[in-house]
Amino acid sequence: MVDVLIMLAAGLAGAAFLLALVRFVRGPSRLDRVVAFDVLTVIAITFIVLAALLEGRGVYLDAALVYALLSFLGVISIARYLEGRF
């Protein structure tokens, strides 16, 4: 039963990934693309956590945490660049 719920969550995350990817490609402004990029990284982290749940391996959670920290720093640096304070 838990596996079915994890697969359902992965399907919903996949749909959200496609919608965010469309916004990333078609975004009318650069800020829309930055927000879409942030959403894409959060969804990628979700996939890593779901894989950790399915596989039963905690090492994936460490990778998800590192990816989240790097993603946060990347989005902050891009936002500062676009603001002109870099």
C-alpha atoms as a PDB file:
ATOM      1  CA  MET A   1       0.000   0.000   0.000  1.00  0.00           C
ATOM      2  CA  VAL A   2       2.829   2.370   0.825  1.00  0.00           C
ATOM      3  CA  ASP A   3       4.501   1.639  -2.494  1.00  0.00           C
ATOM      4  CA  VAL A   4       1.311   2.596  -4.319  1.00  0.00           C
ATOM      5  CA  LEU A   5       1.157   5.918  -2.469  1.00  0.00           C
ATOM      6  CA  ILE A   6       4.802   6.613  -3.223  1.00  0.00           C
ATOM      7  CA  MET A   7       4.197   5.893  -6.903  1.00  0.00           C
ATOM      8  CA  LEU A   8       1.159   8.192  -6.848  1.00  0.00           C
ATOM      9  CA  ALA A   9       3.269  10.932  -5.274  1.00  0.00           C
ATOM     10  CA  ALA A  10       5.934  10.377  -7.945  1.00  0.00           C
ATOM     11  CA  GLY A  11       3.309  10.710 -10.671  1.00  0.00           C
ATOM     12  CA  LEU A  12       2.009  13.960  -9.225  1.00  0.00           C
ATOM     13  CA  ALA A  13       5.554  15.259  -8.846  1.00  0.00           C
ATOM     14  CA  GLY A  14       6.197  14.323 -12.475  1.00  0.00           C
ATOM     15  CA  ALA A  15       3.173  16.331 -13.593  1.00  0.00           C
ATOM     16  CA  ALA A  16       4.352  19.283 -11.507  1.00  0.00           C
ATOM     17  CA  PHE A  17       7.816  18.923 -13.045  1.00  0.00           C
ATOM     18  CA  LEU A  18       6.377  19.159 -16.556  1.00  0.00           C
ATOM     19  CA  LEU A  19       4.332  22.244 -15.666  1.00  0.00           C
ATOM     20  CA  ALA A  20       7.353  23.949 -14.099  1.00  0.00           C
ATOM     21  CA  LEU A  21       9.462  23.008 -17.109  1.00  0.00           C
ATOM     22  CA  VAL A  22       6.947  24.704 -19.395  1.00  0.00           C
ATOM     23  CA  ARG A  23       7.149  27.842 -17.246  1.00  0.00           C
ATOM     24  CA  PHE A  24      10.938  27.662 -17.333  1.00  0.00           C
ATOM     25  CA  VAL A  25      11.012  27.488 -21.131  1.00  0.00           C
ATOM     26  CA  ARG A  26       8.197  29.934 -21.884  1.00  0.00           C
ATOM     27  CA  GLY A  27       8.594  32.307 -18.930  1.00  0.00           C
ATOM     28  CA  PRO A  28       8.008  35.856 -20.102  1.00  0.00           C
ATOM     29  CA  SER A  29      10.622  37.305 -17.767  1.00  0.00           C
ATOM     30  CA  ARG A  30      13.907  36.242 -16.258  1.00  0.00           C
ATOM     31  CA  LEU A  31      12.395  36.234 -12.782  1.00  0.00           C
ATOM     32  CA  ASP A  32       9.761  33.723 -13.896  1.00  0.00           C
ATOM     33  CA  ARG A  33      12.565  31.477 -15.086  1.00  0.00           C
ATOM     34  CA  VAL A  34      14.410  31.793 -11.776  1.00  0.00           C
ATOM     35  CA  VAL A  35      11.296  30.844  -9.824  1.00  0.00           C
ATOM     36  CA  ALA A  36      10.623  27.942 -12.192  1.00  0.00           C
ATOM     37  CA  PHE A  37      14.222  26.783 -11.761  1.00  0.00           C
ATOM     38  CA  ASP A  38      13.755  26.825  -7.991  1.00  0.00           C
ATOM     39  CA  VAL A  39      10.552  24.811  -8.326  1.00  0.00           C
ATOM     40  CA  LEU A  40      12.315  22.313 -10.586  1.00  0.00           C
ATOM     41  CA  THR A  41      15.065  21.787  -8.016  1.00  0.00           C
ATOM     42  CA  VAL A  42      12.522  21.280  -5.230  1.00  0.00           C
ATOM     43  CA  ILE A  43      10.723  18.680  -7.343  1.00  0.00           C
ATOM     44  CA  ALA A  44      14.045  16.968  -8.117  1.00  0.00           C
ATOM     45  CA  ILE A  45      14.713  16.795  -4.375  1.00  0.00           C
ATOM     46  CA  THR A  46      11.265  15.268  -3.972  1.00  0.00           C
ATOM     47  CA  PHE A  47      12.194  12.560  -6.477  1.00  0.00           C
ATOM     48  CA  ILE A  48      15.390  11.817  -4.567  1.00  0.00           C
ATOM     49  CA  VAL A  49      13.475  11.516  -1.280  1.00  0.00           C
ATOM     50  CA  LEU A  50      10.867   9.256  -2.886  1.00  0.00           C
ATOM     51  CA  ALA A  51      13.664   7.075  -4.257  1.00  0.00           C
ATOM     52  CA  ALA A  52      15.126   6.885  -0.744  1.00  0.00           C
ATOM     53  CA  LEU A  53      11.762   5.723   0.569  1.00  0.00           C
ATOM     54  CA  LEU A  54      11.349   3.100  -2.141  1.00  0.00           C
ATOM     55  CA  GLU A  55      14.885   1.766  -1.842  1.00  0.00           C
ATOM     56  CA  GLY A  56      15.058   2.042   1.934  1.00  0.00           C
ATOM     57  CA  ARG A  57      18.462   3.756   1.783  1.00  0.00           C
ATOM     58  CA  GLY A  58      19.246   6.755   3.947  1.00  0.00           C
ATOM     59  CA  VAL A  59      22.248   7.758   1.875  1.00  0.00           C
ATOM     60  CA  TYR A  60      19.878   9.273  -0.690  1.00  0.00           C
ATOM     61  CA  LEU A  61      18.568  11.623   1.971  1.00  0.00           C
ATOM     62  CA  ASP A  62      22.077  12.966   2.490  1.00  0.00           C
ATOM     63  CA  ALA A  63      22.363  13.573  -1.246  1.00  0.00           C
ATOM     64  CA  ALA A  64      18.990  15.346  -1.235  1.00  0.00           C
ATOM     65  CA  LEU A  65      20.127  17.595   1.609  1.00  0.00           C
ATOM     66  CA  VAL A  66      23.343  18.553  -0.182  1.00  0.00           C
ATOM     67  CA  TYR A  67      21.419  19.188  -3.398  1.00  0.00           C
ATOM     68  CA  ALA A  68      18.944  21.397  -1.512  1.00  0.00           C
ATOM     69  CA  LEU A  69      21.727  23.490  -0.008  1.00  0.00           C
ATOM     70  CA  LEU A  70      23.469  23.929  -3.358  1.00  0.00           C
ATOM     71  CA  SER A  71      20.178  24.768  -5.032  1.00  0.00           C
ATOM     72  CA  PHE A  72      19.431  27.419  -2.422  1.00  0.00           C
ATOM     73  CA  LEU A  73      22.829  29.024  -2.929  1.00  0.00           C
ATOM     74  CA  GLY A  74      22.432  28.934  -6.697  1.00  0.00           C
ATOM     75  CA  VAL A  75      19.032  30.610  -6.675  1.00  0.00           C
ATOM     76  CA  ILE A  76      20.241  33.285  -4.245  1.00  0.00           C
ATOM     77  CA  SER A  77      23.266  34.062  -6.416  1.00  0.00           C
ATOM     78  CA  ILE A  78      21.143  34.263  -9.577  1.00  0.00           C
ATOM     79  CA  ALA A  79      18.659  36.554  -7.841  1.00  0.00           C
ATOM     80  CA  ARG A  80      21.430  38.834  -6.640  1.00  0.00           C
ATOM     81  CA  TYR A  81      22.904  38.935 -10.144  1.00  0.00           C
ATOM     82  CA  LEU A  82      19.552  39.872 -11.659  1.00  0.00           C
ATOM     83  CA  GLU A  83      19.061  42.530  -9.008  1.00  0.00           C
ATOM     84  CA  GLY A  84      22.382  44.066  -9.951  1.00  0.00           C
ATOM     85  CA  ARG A  85      24.124  43.788  -6.577  1.00  0.00           C
ATOM     86  CA  PHE A  86      26.590  41.098  -7.593  1.00  0.00           C
END
